[in-house]
């Protein structure tokens, strides 16, 4: 463990910021996984008088209905992790194949898909996610899909750039000369 920390320490402040960010993510993952064990109260139960300040009984106080804020925060980590997982999966499942197709075939398809992705990039991410969520309506899955729309161009550009750099290599040319189909080349090579 000290070897890892010393390696990260070579990068100065940036290395320690990585450790702090990783620690925050791990705390949220821990809270999401073990919410039932570490939460002092049920997040939907009314446990005390409304709008109580922080005290030793209610560490973060109570909300306007008398529910414990700490318990709601701990259980909220589970919802956040679900939204993150769904939005990352959806944006990857859409962005990666589109980037693969665009980079491999090029031409007209590449121009159309690149213009669509550039138009998504033209809007600030948070505003675009709010606009998509307002069109889709309320709900956790709609929010996750709205967030994923913002990140589809990121996966698209990453995969497209990688495919463009590999498209002209010798092993791809060899696969073409051996009669491999475009689908096989895209997904295998």
Protein backbone atom coordinates (compact mmCIF):
# COMPACT_ATOMS: atom_id res chain seq x y z
CA UNK A 1 0.00 0.00 0.00
CA UNK A 2 2.82 2.41 0.83
CA UNK A 3 4.40 1.61 -2.53
CA UNK A 4 1.22 2.73 -4.30
CA UNK A 5 1.02 5.91 -2.23
CA UNK A 6 4.70 6.70 -2.88
CA UNK A 7 4.17 6.22 -6.63
CA UNK A 8 1.18 8.54 -6.57
CA UNK A 9 3.15 11.00 -4.42
CA UNK A 10 5.64 11.44 -7.26
CA UNK A 11 2.94 13.28 -9.17
CA UNK A 12 2.63 15.95 -6.49
CA UNK A 13 -0.71 17.50 -5.68
CA UNK A 14 -2.45 15.75 -8.58
CA UNK A 15 -1.53 12.35 -7.15
CA UNK A 16 -3.02 13.18 -3.78
CA UNK A 17 -6.14 14.57 -5.41
CA UNK A 18 -6.56 11.18 -7.07
CA UNK A 19 -6.40 9.52 -3.65
CA UNK A 20 -8.95 11.95 -2.20
CA UNK A 21 -11.32 11.42 -5.14
CA UNK A 22 -10.95 7.66 -4.91
CA UNK A 23 -11.64 7.78 -1.17
CA UNK A 24 -14.85 9.77 -1.75
CA UNK A 25 -16.03 7.30 -4.40
CA UNK A 26 -15.24 4.34 -2.15
CA UNK A 27 -17.18 5.93 0.72
CA UNK A 28 -20.25 6.30 -1.51
CA UNK A 29 -19.92 2.72 -2.77
CA UNK A 30 -19.60 1.48 0.82
CA UNK A 31 -22.68 3.46 1.85
CA UNK A 32 -24.65 2.10 -1.09
CA UNK A 33 -23.69 -1.51 -0.42
CA UNK A 34 -24.17 -1.50 3.35
CA UNK A 35 -26.99 1.03 3.78
CA UNK A 36 -29.09 -1.31 5.93
CA UNK A 37 -26.22 -1.92 8.33
CA UNK A 38 -24.91 1.61 8.81
CA UNK A 39 -28.15 3.60 8.68
CA UNK A 40 -29.43 4.47 12.17
CA UNK A 41 -33.09 4.67 11.08
CA UNK A 42 -35.36 3.67 8.22
CA UNK A 43 -35.21 6.57 5.73
CA UNK A 44 -38.99 6.78 5.31
CA UNK A 45 -39.97 6.47 8.98
CA UNK A 46 -40.86 9.57 10.95
CA UNK A 47 -38.45 9.31 13.86
CA UNK A 48 -38.69 12.67 15.57
CA UNK A 49 -40.13 16.15 15.50
CA UNK A 50 -39.85 18.00 12.21
CA UNK A 51 -36.92 20.29 11.39
CA UNK A 52 -34.61 19.41 14.25
CA UNK A 53 -31.05 20.73 14.20
CA UNK A 54 -28.13 18.32 14.29
CA UNK A 55 -27.75 16.61 17.65
CA UNK A 56 -26.28 13.43 19.09
CA UNK A 57 -29.56 11.60 18.39
CA UNK A 58 -29.97 12.94 14.83
CA UNK A 59 -26.48 13.64 13.50
CA UNK A 60 -27.68 15.69 10.50
CA UNK A 61 -31.03 16.63 12.06
CA UNK A 62 -34.50 15.85 10.72
CA UNK A 63 -36.34 17.11 7.67
CA UNK A 64 -39.71 18.89 7.47
CA UNK A 65 -41.57 15.60 8.07
CA UNK A 66 -39.40 14.37 10.95
CA UNK A 67 -37.32 11.83 9.01
CA UNK A 68 -33.63 11.38 9.82
CA UNK A 69 -31.51 13.22 7.24
CA UNK A 70 -28.43 10.99 7.72
CA UNK A 71 -30.46 7.84 6.98
CA UNK A 72 -31.91 9.43 3.88
CA UNK A 73 -28.42 10.47 2.74
CA UNK A 74 -27.05 6.95 3.22
CA UNK A 75 -29.92 5.35 1.30
CA UNK A 76 -29.61 8.07 -1.34
CA UNK A 77 -26.12 6.77 -2.17
CA UNK A 78 -27.77 3.57 -3.42
CA UNK A 79 -29.98 5.55 -5.79
CA UNK A 80 -27.02 7.58 -7.02
CA UNK A 81 -24.97 4.46 -7.74
CA UNK A 82 -27.89 2.96 -9.67
CA UNK A 83 -28.27 6.07 -11.80
CA UNK A 84 -24.53 6.16 -12.46
CA UNK A 85 -24.45 2.49 -13.47
CA UNK A 86 -27.46 2.75 -15.79
CA UNK A 87 -26.32 5.99 -17.42
CA UNK A 88 -22.77 4.72 -17.97
CA UNK A 89 -24.04 1.45 -19.43
CA UNK A 90 -26.54 3.11 -21.76
CA UNK A 91 -24.09 5.74 -23.00
CA UNK A 92 -21.46 3.06 -23.58
CA UNK A 93 -23.89 0.70 -25.32
CA UNK A 94 -24.91 3.47 -27.72
CA UNK A 95 -21.66 5.45 -28.09
CA UNK A 96 -19.25 2.55 -28.67
CA UNK A 97 -21.08 0.92 -31.62
CA UNK A 98 -21.76 4.31 -33.22
CA UNK A 99 -18.09 5.27 -32.90
CA UNK A 100 -17.06 1.89 -34.30
CA UNK A 101 -19.35 2.23 -37.32
CA UNK A 102 -18.41 5.86 -37.91
CA UNK A 103 -14.67 5.29 -37.69
CA UNK A 104 -14.64 2.11 -39.76
CA UNK A 105 -16.89 3.11 -42.65
CA UNK A 106 -16.05 6.82 -42.74
CA UNK A 107 -17.50 8.93 -45.53
CA UNK A 108 -21.11 10.03 -45.38
CA UNK A 109 -21.95 7.96 -42.28
CA UNK A 110 -19.00 9.44 -40.40
CA UNK A 111 -19.98 12.98 -41.31
CA UNK A 112 -23.61 12.53 -40.24
CA UNK A 113 -22.76 10.86 -36.93
CA UNK A 114 -20.00 13.39 -36.20
CA UNK A 115 -22.38 16.31 -36.82
CA UNK A 116 -24.96 14.75 -34.50
CA UNK A 117 -22.36 14.24 -31.77
CA UNK A 118 -20.97 17.75 -32.27
CA UNK A 119 -24.48 19.16 -31.91
CA UNK A 120 -24.87 17.29 -28.62
CA UNK A 121 -21.50 18.71 -27.51
CA UNK A 122 -22.67 22.23 -28.43
CA UNK A 123 -25.00 22.36 -25.43
CA UNK A 124 -23.77 22.48 -21.84
CA UNK A 125 -24.08 18.98 -20.40
CA UNK A 126 -26.18 19.83 -17.37
CA UNK A 127 -28.65 21.94 -19.33
CA UNK A 128 -29.01 19.25 -21.99
CA UNK A 129 -29.60 16.58 -19.33
CA UNK A 130 -32.26 18.74 -17.66
CA UNK A 131 -33.96 19.38 -21.02
CA UNK A 132 -34.00 15.68 -21.93
CA UNK A 133 -35.27 14.76 -18.45
CA UNK A 134 -38.07 17.32 -18.70
CA UNK A 135 -39.15 15.84 -22.04
CA UNK A 136 -39.04 12.26 -20.73
CA UNK A 137 -40.83 13.04 -17.47
CA UNK A 138 -40.10 12.17 -13.85
CA UNK A 139 -38.41 8.98 -12.76
CA UNK A 140 -35.02 7.53 -11.94
CA UNK A 141 -34.62 5.69 -15.24
CA UNK A 142 -35.56 8.80 -17.23
CA UNK A 143 -32.95 10.78 -15.29
CA UNK A 144 -30.36 8.08 -15.98
CA UNK A 145 -31.20 8.12 -19.69
CA UNK A 146 -31.01 11.92 -19.77
CA UNK A 147 -27.54 11.81 -18.22
CA UNK A 148 -26.46 9.09 -20.64
CA UNK A 149 -27.41 11.26 -23.64
CA UNK A 150 -24.82 13.77 -22.49
CA UNK A 151 -22.04 11.15 -22.36
CA UNK A 152 -22.74 9.28 -25.61
CA UNK A 153 -20.46 11.65 -27.61
CA UNK A 154 -17.58 10.98 -25.21
CA UNK A 155 -17.61 7.24 -25.91
CA UNK A 156 -18.30 7.92 -29.60
CA UNK A 157 -15.24 10.15 -30.03
CA UNK A 158 -12.95 7.88 -28.04
CA UNK A 159 -13.85 4.77 -30.04
CA UNK A 160 -13.95 6.61 -33.37
CA UNK A 161 -10.47 8.01 -32.86
CA UNK A 162 -9.10 4.61 -31.91
CA UNK A 163 -10.75 2.93 -34.91
CA UNK A 164 -9.40 5.60 -37.27
CA UNK A 165 -5.88 4.95 -36.00
CA UNK A 166 -6.21 1.16 -36.36
CA UNK A 167 -8.16 1.06 -39.62
CA UNK A 168 -5.10 1.31 -41.86
CA UNK A 169 -2.85 -1.10 -39.94
CA UNK A 170 -1.44 -4.26 -41.47
CA UNK A 171 -3.49 -6.73 -39.46
CA UNK A 172 -6.74 -5.10 -40.62
CA UNK A 173 -5.51 -5.16 -44.22
CA UNK A 174 -4.56 -8.82 -43.79
CA UNK A 175 -8.03 -9.63 -42.46
CA UNK A 176 -9.58 -7.88 -45.46
CA UNK A 177 -7.38 -9.78 -47.88
CA UNK A 178 -8.36 -13.07 -46.23
CA UNK A 179 -12.03 -12.24 -46.87
CA UNK A 180 -13.16 -11.22 -43.39
CA UNK A 181 -16.46 -9.37 -43.34
CA UNK A 182 -16.73 -5.79 -42.12
CA UNK A 183 -18.62 -6.94 -39.03
CA UNK A 184 -15.92 -9.47 -38.15
CA UNK A 185 -13.17 -6.91 -38.64
CA UNK A 186 -14.96 -4.30 -36.52
CA UNK A 187 -15.75 -6.57 -33.59
CA UNK A 188 -12.82 -9.01 -33.75
CA UNK A 189 -9.82 -7.03 -34.95
